[in-house]
C-alpha atoms as a PDB file:
ATOM      1  CA  MET A   1      99.687  67.482-113.036  1.00  0.00           C
ATOM      2  CA  ARG A   2      98.244  67.005-116.519  1.00  0.00           C
ATOM      3  CA  LEU A   3      99.470  63.388-116.648  1.00  0.00           C
ATOM      4  CA  ARG A   4      98.062  62.762-113.166  1.00  0.00           C
ATOM      5  CA  SER A   5      94.673  64.113-114.263  1.00  0.00           C
ATOM      6  CA  VAL A   6      94.665  61.891-117.344  1.00  0.00           C
ATOM      7  CA  LEU A   7      95.499  58.811-115.253  1.00  0.00           C
ATOM      8  CA  ILE A   8      92.718  59.585-112.792  1.00  0.00           C
ATOM      9  CA  SER A   9      90.255  59.944-115.684  1.00  0.00           C
ATOM     10  CA  ILE A  10      91.292  56.603-117.189  1.00  0.00           C
ATOM     11  CA  ILE A  11      91.010  54.818-113.843  1.00  0.00           C
ATOM     12  CA  THR A  12      87.583  56.320-113.145  1.00  0.00           C
ATOM     13  CA  LEU A  13      86.263  55.169-116.514  1.00  0.00           C
ATOM     14  CA  LEU A  14      87.537  51.641-115.906  1.00  0.00           C
ATOM     15  CA  GLY A  15      85.843  51.411-112.508  1.00  0.00           C
ATOM     16  CA  ILE A  16      89.142  50.785-110.732  1.00  0.00           C
ATOM     17  CA  ILE A  17      89.685  51.975-107.159  1.00  0.00           C
ATOM     18  CA  VAL A  18      93.367  52.663-106.637  1.00  0.00           C
ATOM     19  CA  SER A  19      95.713  55.241-105.206  1.00  0.00           C
ATOM     20  CA  VAL A  20      97.504  57.079-108.017  1.00  0.00           C
ATOM     21  CA  PRO A  21     101.215  57.569-107.269  1.00  0.00           C
ATOM     22  CA  GLN A  22     102.418  61.048-106.388  1.00  0.00           C
ATOM     23  CA  ALA A  23     105.296  62.328-108.477  1.00  0.00           C
ATOM     24  CA  THR A  24     107.418  62.795-105.352  1.00  0.00           C
ATOM     25  CA  ALA A  25     106.414  59.565-103.605  1.00  0.00           C
ATOM     26  CA  ALA A  26     109.382  57.764-102.147  1.00  0.00           C
ATOM     27  CA  ILE A  27     108.515  55.489 -99.235  1.00  0.00           C
ATOM     28  CA  GLY A  28     110.293  52.431 -97.922  1.00  0.00           C
ATOM     29  CA  ASP A  29     109.451  48.881 -98.879  1.00  0.00           C
ATOM     30  CA  ASP A  30     106.133  47.657 -97.518  1.00  0.00           C
ATOM     31  CA  TRP A  31     104.245  44.393 -97.957  1.00  0.00           C
ATOM     32  CA  ALA A  32     101.425  42.306 -96.558  1.00  0.00           C
ATOM     33  CA  PHE A  33      99.711  39.000 -97.289  1.00  0.00           C
ATOM     34  CA  ALA A  34      96.672  37.156 -95.973  1.00  0.00           C
ATOM     35  CA  TYR A  35      94.333  34.233 -96.565  1.00  0.00           C
ATOM     36  CA  ASN A  36      90.584  34.807 -96.408  1.00  0.00           C
ATOM     37  CA  ASN A  37      89.146  31.724 -94.724  1.00  0.00           C
ATOM     38  CA  HIS A  38      85.608  33.182 -94.553  1.00  0.00           C
ATOM     39  CA  LEU A  39      83.187  32.526 -97.403  1.00  0.00           C
ATOM     40  CA  ALA A  40      80.749  35.085 -96.010  1.00  0.00           C
ATOM     41  CA  PRO A  41      82.254  37.170 -93.175  1.00  0.00           C
ATOM     42  CA  LEU A  42      79.904  38.556 -90.550  1.00  0.00           C
ATOM     43  CA  ALA A  43      78.978  42.238 -90.598  1.00  0.00           C
ATOM     44  CA  GLY A  44      81.980  44.415 -89.900  1.00  0.00           C
ATOM     45  CA  PHE A  45      85.626  43.476 -90.215  1.00  0.00           C
ATOM     46  CA  THR A  46      86.533  39.933 -89.161  1.00  0.00           C
ATOM     47  CA  PRO A  47      90.100  38.709 -88.438  1.00  0.00           C
ATOM     48  CA  MET A  48      91.544  36.491 -91.165  1.00  0.00           C
ATOM     49  CA  ASP A  49      93.402  33.187 -90.720  1.00  0.00           C
ATOM     50  CA  PRO A  50      96.234  34.089 -88.274  1.00  0.00           C
ATOM     51  CA  ALA A  51      98.474  31.241 -89.500  1.00  0.00           C
ATOM     52  CA  ARG A  52      98.474  32.473 -93.099  1.00  0.00           C
ATOM     53  CA  GLN A  53      98.885  36.213 -92.854  1.00  0.00           C
ATOM     54  CA  TRP A  54     101.534  38.779 -92.006  1.00  0.00           C
ATOM     55  CA  SER A  55     102.504  42.336 -92.821  1.00  0.00           C
ATOM     56  CA  LYS A  56     105.850  44.039 -92.502  1.00  0.00           C
ATOM     57  CA  ASN A  57     104.601  46.727 -90.141  1.00  0.00           C
ATOM     58  CA  GLY A  58     101.312  45.327 -88.833  1.00  0.00           C
ATOM     59  CA  GLY A  59     102.035  41.684 -88.053  1.00  0.00           C
ATOM     60  CA  ALA A  60      99.014  39.341 -88.143  1.00  0.00           C
ATOM     61  CA  SER A  61      96.383  42.081 -88.131  1.00  0.00           C
ATOM     62  CA  ALA A  62      94.542  41.658 -91.477  1.00  0.00           C
ATOM     63  CA  GLU A  63      90.741  41.682 -91.442  1.00  0.00           C
ATOM     64  CA  VAL A  64      88.006  41.158 -94.037  1.00  0.00           C
ATOM     65  CA  ARG A  65      84.379  42.132 -94.514  1.00  0.00           C
ATOM     66  CA  SER A  66      81.850  41.348 -97.243  1.00  0.00           C
ATOM     67  CA  PRO A  67      79.204  43.842 -98.453  1.00  0.00           C
ATOM     68  CA  GLY A  68      77.570  41.228-100.672  1.00  0.00           C
ATOM     69  CA  VAL A  69      77.917  37.911-102.487  1.00  0.00           C
ATOM     70  CA  GLY A  70      81.408  37.536-103.957  1.00  0.00           C
ATOM     71  CA  GLN A  71      82.485  40.985-102.721  1.00  0.00           C
ATOM     72  CA  TYR A  72      85.216  41.484-100.130  1.00  0.00           C
ATOM     73  CA  GLU A  73      87.175  44.283 -98.544  1.00  0.00           C
ATOM     74  CA  VAL A  74      90.497  43.337 -96.961  1.00  0.00           C
ATOM     75  CA  LEU A  75      92.138  45.706 -94.488  1.00  0.00           C
ATOM     76  CA  PHE A  76      95.891  45.561 -93.901  1.00  0.00           C
ATOM     77  CA  PRO A  77      96.476  47.900 -90.925  1.00  0.00           C
ATOM     78  CA  LYS A  78      99.750  49.877 -90.931  1.00  0.00           C
ATOM     79  CA  THR A  79     100.367  48.952 -94.586  1.00  0.00           C
ATOM     80  CA  VAL A  80     100.792  51.599 -97.313  1.00  0.00           C
ATOM     81  CA  VAL A  81     100.996  50.822-101.039  1.00  0.00           C
ATOM     82  CA  LYS A  82     101.061  53.915-103.279  1.00  0.00           C
ATOM     83  CA  ARG A  83     103.251  52.765-106.157  1.00  0.00           C
ATOM     84  CA  GLY A  84     103.039  49.010-105.712  1.00  0.00           C
ATOM     85  CA  THR A  85     101.034  46.047-106.850  1.00  0.00           C
ATOM     86  CA  VAL A  86      98.397  43.611-105.541  1.00  0.00           C
ATOM     87  CA  HIS A  87      97.682  39.958-106.377  1.00  0.00           C
ATOM     88  CA  VAL A  88      94.887  37.553-105.481  1.00  0.00           C
ATOM     89  CA  THR A  89      94.308  33.831-106.100  1.00  0.00           C
ATOM     90  CA  ALA A  90      91.006  32.088-105.439  1.00  0.00           C
ATOM     91  CA  GLU A  91      90.884  28.985-103.242  1.00  0.00           C
ATOM     92  CA  ARG A  92      87.805  26.934-104.164  1.00  0.00           C
ATOM     93  CA  GLN A  93      86.685  23.447-105.092  1.00  0.00           C
ATOM     94  CA  THR A  94      84.562  24.504-108.094  1.00  0.00           C
ATOM     95  CA  PRO A  95      85.615  26.419-111.219  1.00  0.00           C
ATOM     96  CA  GLY A  96      85.835  30.151-110.721  1.00  0.00           C
ATOM     97  CA  TRP A  97      88.318  32.892-109.862  1.00  0.00           C
ATOM     98  CA  CYS A  98      88.929  36.073-107.889  1.00  0.00           C
ATOM     99  CA  GLN A  99      90.254  39.410-109.114  1.00  0.00           C
ATOM    100  CA  VAL A 100      91.235  42.729-107.595  1.00  0.00           C
ATOM    101  CA  GLN A 101      88.639  45.452-107.993  1.00  0.00           C
ATOM    102  CA  GLY A 102      91.069  48.045-106.685  1.00  0.00           C
ATOM    103  CA  TRP A 103      92.889  49.299-103.622  1.00  0.00           C
ATOM    104  CA  GLN A 104      93.342  52.495-101.678  1.00  0.00           C
ATOM    105  CA  ASN A 105      95.190  53.764 -98.630  1.00  0.00           C
ATOM    106  CA  GLY A 106      93.163  54.961 -95.650  1.00  0.00           C
ATOM    107  CA  ASN A 107      93.953  56.393 -92.245  1.00  0.00           C
ATOM    108  CA  ASN A 108      93.800  52.879 -90.797  1.00  0.00           C
ATOM    109  CA  GLY A 109      95.841  51.089 -93.481  1.00  0.00           C
ATOM    110  CA  LEU A 110      95.552  49.581 -96.949  1.00  0.00           C
ATOM    111  CA  HIS A 111      92.099  48.569 -98.201  1.00  0.00           C
ATOM    112  CA  VAL A 112      92.031  45.958-100.992  1.00  0.00           C
ATOM    113  CA  PHE A 113      88.732  45.266-102.753  1.00  0.00           C
ATOM    114  CA  ILE A 114      88.250  41.738-104.121  1.00  0.00           C
ATOM    115  CA  LEU A 115      85.587  40.321-106.442  1.00  0.00           C
ATOM    116  CA  CYS A 116      85.094  36.553-106.807  1.00  0.00           C
ATOM    117  CA  PHE A 117      83.152  34.776-109.559  1.00  0.00           C
ATOM    118  CA  LYS A 118      81.933  31.333-110.420  1.00  0.00           C
ATOM    119  CA  HIS A 119      82.766  30.070-113.900  1.00  0.00           C
ATOM    120  CA  GLY A 120      80.737  32.107-116.369  1.00  0.00           C
ATOM    121  CA  GLY A 121      81.108  35.410-114.534  1.00  0.00           C
ATOM    122  CA  ALA A 122      78.420  35.481-111.800  1.00  0.00           C
ATOM    123  CA  LEU A 123      79.531  36.762-108.397  1.00  0.00           C
ATOM    124  CA  ASP A 124      80.191  33.915-105.970  1.00  0.00           C
ATOM    125  CA  ASN A 125      81.609  33.602-102.474  1.00  0.00           C
ATOM    126  CA  SER A 126      85.144  32.235-102.344  1.00  0.00           C
ATOM    127  CA  ARG A 127      88.151  31.889-100.129  1.00  0.00           C
ATOM    128  CA  PHE A 128      91.316  33.487-101.475  1.00  0.00           C
ATOM    129  CA  ALA A 129      94.943  34.441-100.890  1.00  0.00           C
ATOM    130  CA  VAL A 130      95.759  38.141-101.317  1.00  0.00           C
ATOM    131  CA  MET A 131      99.013  40.094-101.142  1.00  0.00           C
ATOM    132  CA  ALA A 132     100.296  43.618-101.690  1.00  0.00           C
ATOM    133  CA  THR A 133     103.831  44.878-102.089  1.00  0.00           C
ATOM    134  CA  GLU A 134     105.738  48.037-102.908  1.00  0.00           C
ATOM    135  CA  SER A 135     109.406  48.700-103.487  1.00  0.00           C
ATOM    136  CA  SER A 136     111.359  51.944-103.556  1.00  0.00           C
ATOM    137  CA  PRO A 137     114.044  52.816-106.110  1.00  0.00           C
ATOM    138  CA  VAL A 138     117.289  50.989-105.379  1.00  0.00           C
ATOM    139  CA  PRO A 139     120.761  50.950-106.917  1.00  0.00           C
ATOM    140  CA  THR A 140     121.201  48.642-109.892  1.00  0.00           C
ATOM    141  CA  ILE A 141     121.896  45.078-108.770  1.00  0.00           C
ATOM    142  CA  PRO A 142     123.310  42.057-110.659  1.00  0.00           C
ATOM    143  CA  ALA A 143     121.367  39.419-112.563  1.00  0.00           C
ATOM    144  CA  ILE A 144     120.450  37.596-109.345  1.00  0.00           C
ATOM    145  CA  PRO A 145     118.265  38.285-107.447  1.00  0.00           C
ATOM    146  CA  VAL A 146     115.596  40.341-109.253  1.00  0.00           C
ATOM    147  CA  HIS A 147     112.188  41.728-108.307  1.00  0.00           C
ATOM    148  CA  ALA A 148     110.041  43.581-110.846  1.00  0.00           C
ATOM    149  CA  TYR A 149     106.406  44.533-111.191  1.00  0.00           C
ATOM    150  CA  VAL A 150     103.993  46.458-113.414  1.00  0.00           C
ATOM    151  CA  PHE A 151     100.478  47.769-112.885  1.00  0.00           C
ATOM    152  CA  ALA A 152      98.891  48.714-116.218  1.00  0.00           C
ATOM    153  CA  ASP A 153      95.439  49.852-117.296  1.00  0.00           C
ATOM    154  CA  ALA A 154      93.247  48.347-120.025  1.00  0.00           C
ATOM    155  CA  VAL A 155      95.102  50.130-122.845  1.00  0.00           C
ATOM    156  CA  GLY A 156      98.569  49.320-121.521  1.00  0.00           C
ATOM    157  CA  THR A 157      99.322  52.617-119.783  1.00  0.00           C
ATOM    158  CA  VAL A 158     101.749  51.884-116.954  1.00  0.00           C
ATOM    159  CA  LEU A 159     100.423  53.134-113.601  1.00  0.00           C
ATOM    160  CA  ALA A 160     103.091  51.630-111.333  1.00  0.00           C
ATOM    161  CA  ASN A 161     106.511  50.333-112.286  1.00  0.00           C
ATOM    162  CA  PHE A 162     109.486  48.799-110.482  1.00  0.00           C
ATOM    163  CA  ASN A 163     112.578  46.913-111.604  1.00  0.00           C
ATOM    164  CA  SER A 164     115.353  46.169-109.111  1.00  0.00           C
ATOM    165  CA  SER A 165     117.847  45.968-111.971  1.00  0.00           C
ATOM    166  CA  GLY A 166     117.519  49.724-112.421  1.00  0.00           C
ATOM    167  CA  PHE A 167     115.793  49.605-115.818  1.00  0.00           C
ATOM    168  CA  THR A 168     112.275  50.684-116.809  1.00  0.00           C
ATOM    169  CA  ASN A 169     109.626  48.099-117.687  1.00  0.00           C
ATOM    170  CA  SER A 170     107.379  48.739-120.694  1.00  0.00           C
ATOM    171  CA  VAL A 171     103.937  47.609-121.901  1.00  0.00           C
ATOM    172  CA  SER A 172     102.276  47.689-125.328  1.00  0.00           C
ATOM    173  CA  HIS A 173      98.645  46.840-126.115  1.00  0.00           C
ATOM    174  CA  GLY A 174      97.629  44.456-128.905  1.00  0.00           C
ATOM    175  CA  GLY A 175      94.724  46.666-129.944  1.00  0.00           C
ATOM    176  CA  PRO A 176      91.130  47.323-128.828  1.00  0.00           C
ATOM    177  CA  GLY A 177      89.343  44.165-127.750  1.00  0.00           C
ATOM    178  CA  SER A 178      92.433  41.954-128.077  1.00  0.00           C
ATOM    179  CA  GLY A 179      93.029  41.445-124.359  1.00  0.00           C
ATOM    180  CA  ILE A 180      96.721  41.122-125.286  1.00  0.00           C
ATOM    181  CA  TYR A 181      99.631  43.011-123.739  1.00  0.00           C
ATOM    182  CA  LYS A 182     103.354  42.691-124.447  1.00  0.00           C
ATOM    183  CA  VAL A 183     105.451  43.287-121.342  1.00  0.00           C
ATOM    184  CA  SER A 184     109.211  43.862-121.409  1.00  0.00           C
ATOM    185  CA  LEU A 185     111.260  43.614-118.218  1.00  0.00           C
ATOM    186  CA  PRO A 186     114.838  44.670-119.068  1.00  0.00           C
ATOM    187  CA  MET A 187     117.496  42.998-116.904  1.00  0.00           C
ATOM    188  CA  LYS A 188     120.627  40.916-117.082  1.00  0.00           C
ATOM    189  CA  GLY A 189     119.656  37.290-117.303  1.00  0.00           C
ATOM    190  CA  PHE A 190     119.612  34.038-119.211  1.00  0.00           C
ATOM    191  CA  ASN A 191     118.349  32.741-122.530  1.00  0.00           C
ATOM    192  CA  GLU A 192     116.476  29.866-120.907  1.00  0.00           C
ATOM    193  CA  PRO A 193     113.346  30.203-118.722  1.00  0.00           C
ATOM    194  CA  ASN A 194     114.160  31.470-115.236  1.00  0.00           C
ATOM    195  CA  GLY A 195     112.239  32.966-112.327  1.00  0.00           C
ATOM    196  CA  ASN A 196     108.511  33.140-111.654  1.00  0.00           C
ATOM    197  CA  PHE A 197     105.547  35.293-112.765  1.00  0.00           C
ATOM    198  CA  GLN A 198     102.248  36.189-111.128  1.00  0.00           C
ATOM    199  CA  VAL A 199      99.428  38.073-112.896  1.00  0.00           C
ATOM    200  CA  THR A 200      96.060  39.356-111.613  1.00  0.00           C
ATOM    201  CA  ALA A 201      93.182  41.085-113.397  1.00  0.00           C
ATOM    202  CA  VAL A 202      92.098  44.447-111.951  1.00  0.00           C
ATOM    203  CA  GLY A 203      88.676  46.001-112.459  1.00  0.00           C
ATOM    204  CA  SER A 204      84.969  45.848-111.665  1.00  0.00           C
ATOM    205  CA  LYS A 205      83.891  43.627-114.574  1.00  0.00           C
ATOM    206  CA  PRO A 206      84.555  39.849-114.549  1.00  0.00           C
ATOM    207  CA  ALA A 207      88.083  39.267-115.890  1.00  0.00           C
ATOM    208  CA  ARG A 208      91.058  36.997-115.482  1.00  0.00           C
ATOM    209  CA  CYS A 209      94.608  37.273-116.831  1.00  0.00           C
ATOM    210  CA  LYS A 210      97.512  34.908-117.397  1.00  0.00           C
ATOM    211  CA  ILE A 211     100.905  34.572-119.084  1.00  0.00           C
ATOM    212  CA  ALA A 212     100.297  33.352-122.642  1.00  0.00           C
ATOM    213  CA  GLU A 213     103.886  33.444-123.970  1.00  0.00           C
ATOM    214  CA  TRP A 214     107.353  33.854-122.473  1.00  0.00           C
ATOM    215  CA  VAL A 215     110.583  34.765-124.267  1.00  0.00           C
ATOM    216  CA  PRO A 216     113.518  34.933-121.841  1.00  0.00           C
ATOM    217  CA  SER A 217     116.848  36.373-123.008  1.00  0.00           C
ATOM    218  CA  ALA A 218     120.151  37.606-121.641  1.00  0.00           C
ATOM    219  CA  ASN A 219     118.724  41.132-121.890  1.00  0.00           C
ATOM    220  CA  GLY A 220     115.484  40.544-120.019  1.00  0.00           C
ATOM    221  CA  GLN A 221     112.089  38.900-119.842  1.00  0.00           C
ATOM    222  CA  THR A 222     109.425  39.409-122.504  1.00  0.00           C
ATOM    223  CA  VAL A 223     105.952  37.988-121.892  1.00  0.00           C
ATOM    224  CA  ILE A 224     102.488  38.216-123.372  1.00  0.00           C
ATOM    225  CA  VAL A 225      99.726  38.855-120.839  1.00  0.00           C
ATOM    226  CA  ALA A 226      96.348  37.601-122.097  1.00  0.00           C
ATOM    227  CA  CYS A 227      93.086  38.613-120.416  1.00  0.00           C
ATOM    228  CA  PHE A 228      89.584  37.173-120.796  1.00  0.00           C
ATOM    229  CA  ASP A 229      86.081  38.077-119.619  1.00  0.00           C
ATOM    230  CA  GLY A 230      83.525  35.952-117.793  1.00  0.00           C
ATOM    231  CA  ALA A 231      82.539  34.287-121.067  1.00  0.00           C
ATOM    232  CA  SER A 232      86.190  33.332-121.753  1.00  0.00           C
ATOM    233  CA  MET A 233      86.476  35.855-124.591  1.00  0.00           C
ATOM    234  CA  PRO A 234      89.473  38.204-125.044  1.00  0.00           C
ATOM    235  CA  PHE A 235      88.927  41.281-122.901  1.00  0.00           C
ATOM    236  CA  ASP A 236      90.777  44.541-122.266  1.00  0.00           C
ATOM    237  CA  THR A 237      91.229  45.118-118.544  1.00  0.00           C
ATOM    238  CA  ALA A 238      93.754  46.518-116.114  1.00  0.00           C
ATOM    239  CA  TRP A 239      96.158  44.025-114.535  1.00  0.00           C
ATOM    240  CA  THR A 240      99.158  43.602-112.263  1.00  0.00           C
ATOM    241  CA  LEU A 241     102.260  41.520-113.026  1.00  0.00           C
ATOM    242  CA  SER A 242     105.137  40.503-110.772  1.00  0.00           C
ATOM    243  CA  TYR A 243     108.384  38.760-111.649  1.00  0.00           C
ATOM    244  CA  ASN A 244     110.835  37.304-109.137  1.00  0.00           C
ATOM    245  CA  ARG A 245     114.129  35.552-109.568  1.00  0.00           C
ATOM    246  CA  GLU A 246     115.569  34.095-106.360  1.00  0.00           C
ATOM    247  CA  LEU A 247     113.473  36.446-104.247  1.00  0.00           C
ATOM    248  CA  PRO A 248     110.122  35.885-102.502  1.00  0.00           C
ATOM    249  CA  LEU A 249     107.016  37.105-104.300  1.00  0.00           C
ATOM    250  CA  ILE A 250     106.645  40.008-101.834  1.00  0.00           C
ATOM    251  CA  GLY A 251     110.000  41.317-103.065  1.00  0.00           C
ATOM    252  CA  GLU A 252     111.591  41.576 -99.621  1.00  0.00           C
ATOM    253  CA  SER A 253     115.236  40.652 -99.203  1.00  0.00           C
ATOM    254  CA  GLY A 254     115.756  38.422 -96.160  1.00  0.00           C
ATOM    255  CA  PRO A 255     113.885  37.877 -94.040  1.00  0.00           C
ATOM    256  CA  PRO A 256     111.988  36.025 -95.285  1.00  0.00           C
ATOM    257  CA  LYS A 257     114.538  33.286 -95.700  1.00  0.00           C
ATOM    258  CA  ARG A 258     111.941  30.571 -96.424  1.00  0.00           C
ATOM    259  CA  TYR A 259     110.492  30.940 -99.916  1.00  0.00           C
ATOM    260  CA  GLY A 260     110.334  29.213-103.278  1.00  0.00           C
ATOM    261  CA  TYR A 261     108.630  29.014-106.638  1.00  0.00           C
ATOM    262  CA  ILE A 262     108.080  26.580-109.485  1.00  0.00           C
ATOM    263  CA  TRP A 263     106.710  26.475-113.017  1.00  0.00           C
ATOM    264  CA  ALA A 264     104.649  23.272-113.106  1.00  0.00           C
ATOM    265  CA  THR A 265     105.403  22.316-116.682  1.00  0.00           C
ATOM    266  CA  PRO A 266     106.399  18.710-117.501  1.00  0.00           C
ATOM    267  CA  ALA A 267     109.977  19.665-118.418  1.00  0.00           C
ATOM    268  CA  LEU A 268     110.467  21.455-115.062  1.00  0.00           C
ATOM    269  CA  PRO A 269     113.163  23.851-116.358  1.00  0.00           C
ATOM    270  CA  PRO A 270     115.786  23.988-113.601  1.00  0.00           C
ATOM    271  CA  MET A 271     115.900  27.788-113.281  1.00  0.00           C
ATOM    272  CA  THR A 272     112.114  27.987-112.852  1.00  0.00           C
ATOM    273  CA  SER A 273     112.216  25.865-109.703  1.00  0.00           C
ATOM    274  CA  PHE A 274     113.803  27.599-106.739  1.00  0.00           C
ATOM    275  CA  ASN A 275     113.942  26.697-103.059  1.00  0.00           C
ATOM    276  CA  SER A 276     115.702  29.049-100.648  1.00  0.00           C
ATOM    277  CA  ALA A 277     116.893  26.078 -98.565  1.00  0.00           C
ATOM    278  CA  GLY A 278     118.399  24.360-101.608  1.00  0.00           C
ATOM    279  CA  ALA A 279     115.923  21.484-101.398  1.00  0.00           C
ATOM    280  CA  ALA A 280     114.104  20.007-104.399  1.00  0.00           C
ATOM    281  CA  ASN A 281     110.554  21.221-105.033  1.00  0.00           C
ATOM    282  CA  THR A 282     108.219  18.510-106.351  1.00  0.00           C
ATOM    283  CA  VAL A 283     105.116  18.363-108.552  1.00  0.00           C
ATOM    284  CA  SER A 284     102.723  15.447-108.988  1.00  0.00           C
ATOM    285  CA  PHE A 285     100.907  15.907-112.293  1.00  0.00           C
ATOM    286  CA  GLY A 286      97.266  14.915-112.674  1.00  0.00           C
ATOM    287  CA  GLY A 287      94.434  15.652-115.064  1.00  0.00           C
ATOM    288  CA  GLY A 288      94.336  19.373-114.375  1.00  0.00           C
ATOM    289  CA  GLN A 289      95.307  18.922-110.728  1.00  0.00           C
ATOM    290  CA  TYR A 290      98.811  19.421-109.375  1.00  0.00           C
ATOM    291  CA  LEU A 291     100.210  18.502-105.977  1.00  0.00           C
ATOM    292  CA  VAL A 292     103.043  20.988-105.369  1.00  0.00           C
ATOM    293  CA  THR A 293     105.459  20.675-102.452  1.00  0.00           C
ATOM    294  CA  PHE A 294     108.165  23.128-101.399  1.00  0.00           C
ATOM    295  CA  LYS A 295     110.508  20.961 -99.367  1.00  0.00           C
ATOM    296  CA  THR A 296     111.792  22.014 -95.899  1.00  0.00           C
ATOM    297  CA  ILE A 297     110.819  25.711 -96.146  1.00  0.00           C
ATOM    298  CA  GLY A 298     107.207  25.495 -94.922  1.00  0.00           C
ATOM    299  CA  MET A 299     106.459  27.549 -91.830  1.00  0.00           C
ATOM    300  CA  HIS A 300     103.473  29.652 -90.792  1.00  0.00           C
ATOM    301  CA  GLU A 301     102.835  32.497 -91.232  1.00  0.00           C
ATOM    302  CA  ASP A 302     102.980  31.948 -94.997  1.00  0.00           C
ATOM    303  CA  HIS A 303     101.436  32.596 -98.383  1.00  0.00           C
ATOM    304  CA  MET A 304     100.806  31.166-101.877  1.00  0.00           C
ATOM    305  CA  GLN A 305      99.946  32.634-105.289  1.00  0.00           C
ATOM    306  CA  VAL A 306      99.135  30.848-108.575  1.00  0.00           C
ATOM    307  CA  THR A 307      98.996  32.054-112.199  1.00  0.00           C
ATOM    308  CA  ALA A 308      98.233  30.091-115.368  1.00  0.00           C
ATOM    309  CA  PHE A 309     100.600  29.854-118.336  1.00  0.00           C
ATOM    310  CA  GLY A 310      99.686  28.934-121.907  1.00  0.00           C
ATOM    311  CA  LYS A 311      97.458  29.688-124.873  1.00  0.00           C
ATOM    312  CA  GLY A 312      93.705  30.118-124.603  1.00  0.00           C
ATOM    313  CA  PRO A 313      91.390  31.126-121.739  1.00  0.00           C
ATOM    314  CA  ALA A 314      92.248  28.316-119.274  1.00  0.00           C
ATOM    315  CA  TYR A 315      93.023  29.507-115.745  1.00  0.00           C
ATOM    316  CA  CYS A 316      94.384  28.063-112.507  1.00  0.00           C
ATOM    317  CA  VAL A 317      93.438  28.452-108.837  1.00  0.00           C
ATOM    318  CA  LEU A 318      94.153  26.919-105.453  1.00  0.00           C
ATOM    319  CA  GLY A 319      91.966  23.838-105.116  1.00  0.00           C
ATOM    320  CA  ASP A 320      92.521  23.728-101.365  1.00  0.00           C
ATOM    321  CA  VAL A 321      94.395  25.621 -98.679  1.00  0.00           C
ATOM    322  CA  TRP A 322      98.096  24.819 -98.330  1.00  0.00           C
ATOM    323  CA  PHE A 323      99.497  23.095 -95.255  1.00  0.00           C
ATOM    324  CA  ASN A 324     102.879  22.490 -93.630  1.00  0.00           C
ATOM    325  CA  SER A 325     104.125  19.062 -92.612  1.00  0.00           C
ATOM    326  CA  PHE A 326     106.061  17.935 -89.554  1.00  0.00           C
ATOM    327  CA  PHE A 327     109.166  17.905 -91.758  1.00  0.00           C
ATOM    328  CA  GLY A 328     108.742  21.539 -92.767  1.00  0.00           C
ATOM    329  CA  ASP A 329     107.315  20.919 -96.244  1.00  0.00           C
ATOM    330  CA  ALA A 330     104.786  23.430 -97.592  1.00  0.00           C
ATOM    331  CA  THR A 331     102.269  21.593 -99.768  1.00  0.00           C
ATOM    332  CA  ILE A 332      99.403  22.728-101.981  1.00  0.00           C
ATOM    333  CA  ARG A 333      96.719  20.130-102.503  1.00  0.00           C
ATOM    334  CA  ASN A 334      95.814  20.960-105.173  1.00  0.00           C
ATOM    335  CA  VAL A 335      96.497  23.582-107.821  1.00  0.00           C
ATOM    336  CA  GLU A 336      93.595  23.135-110.246  1.00  0.00           C
ATOM    337  CA  CYS A 337      93.246  24.410-113.820  1.00  0.00           C
ATOM    338  CA  TYR A 338      90.005  24.828-115.795  1.00  0.00           C
ATOM    339  CA  ASP A 339      89.227  25.335-119.477  1.00  0.00           C
ATOM    340  CA  GLN A 340      86.673  27.676-121.080  1.00  0.00           C
ATOM    341  CA  LEU A 341      83.881  25.203-120.258  1.00  0.00           C
ATOM    342  CA  GLY A 342      84.842  24.924-116.605  1.00  0.00           C
ATOM    343  CA  ALA A 343      86.313  21.410-116.962  1.00  0.00           C
ATOM    344  CA  LEU A 344      89.646  20.386-115.452  1.00  0.00           C
ATOM    345  CA  ILE A 345      92.440  20.663-118.028  1.00  0.00           C
ATOM    346  CA  LYS A 346      96.168  20.039-118.055  1.00  0.00           C
ATOM    347  CA  HIS A 347      97.841  23.422-117.973  1.00  0.00           C
ATOM    348  CA  GLU A 348     101.117  24.893-116.684  1.00  0.00           C
ATOM    349  CA  PRO A 349     100.731  27.039-113.559  1.00  0.00           C
ATOM    350  CA  PHE A 350     103.320  29.297-111.996  1.00  0.00           C
ATOM    351  CA  VAL A 351     103.274  28.701-108.232  1.00  0.00           C
ATOM    352  CA  ALA A 352     105.019  30.883-105.615  1.00  0.00           C
ATOM    353  CA  TYR A 353     105.384  30.386-101.870  1.00  0.00           C
ATOM    354  CA  THR A 354     106.762  32.569 -99.093  1.00  0.00           C
ATOM    355  CA  SER A 355     106.907  32.448 -95.328  1.00  0.00           C
ATOM    356  CA  ARG A 356     107.480  35.565 -93.253  1.00  0.00           C
ATOM    357  CA  HIS A 357     110.444  33.833 -91.568  1.00  0.00           C
END
């Protein structure tokens, strides 16, 4: 109980709204995703895009409301996430981002609170893709597939932790004001880059987070999470991180059968591009804009998330909503990356796609 009290105190000070895990919590896997297609929803909850949302227990039932500019509350009915993680990616045509303010379980489902900002840190209306997932302890599994996640506070204290390989993830903080966190995900694996990461800032002050460095090894994944404030300066904030290797970003194990991911770096390391149908994912590289296509696996209802990789405060978002072609290709047009001045810049985003099917 003492540890629980300390965690609640830390979360309260950080302005994070979140359900703290109970020591005896042990619920089954649960997940949900949605796309907010409303810049400024009408008063009260409004249904979200039915083609781009689903939840394991609630189907296409997600709704959203907005109490003010750049502020959103997403309701996933029949969804419960006590020890899980949440991610959000902005979809906008101007520089800016969205972050998770917090989440909590209510009698009517999971409530996720989203804040969206224009470049510089002022609240701004935005469309976005949001997801939540939770996994229960499972027996140790081999090197493939793997699903792992961490939810940590601004000083690196782990608030939620899961690793399907049966090991315990760890986090260390680079020091006050550094905005740097070293994350270790122990697991059997490979010495070359493999799998896909997603990272989201959590808190009430403008913040964004990314993967700054990645050191894969046969013993696990080690990454540096770097977070920045609205002025693109290093900033200590809470954050969520997910890692998936040959599993969808929601962590479920079939269905869905249609999912994929890619690291849009020029070398396109083979084990960072995965397509559940065995098809070849493609990337068209531009000046800070990337056309990403997941061949043959596109089918509504579906979902996308994007996270930046690399040094410095650059960040990446969805430049437009994704669509599916007649041939079953899921395409993002475009992933866009911005530097500290809000100008398009060549960067290296992690992109993940899943359908519910």
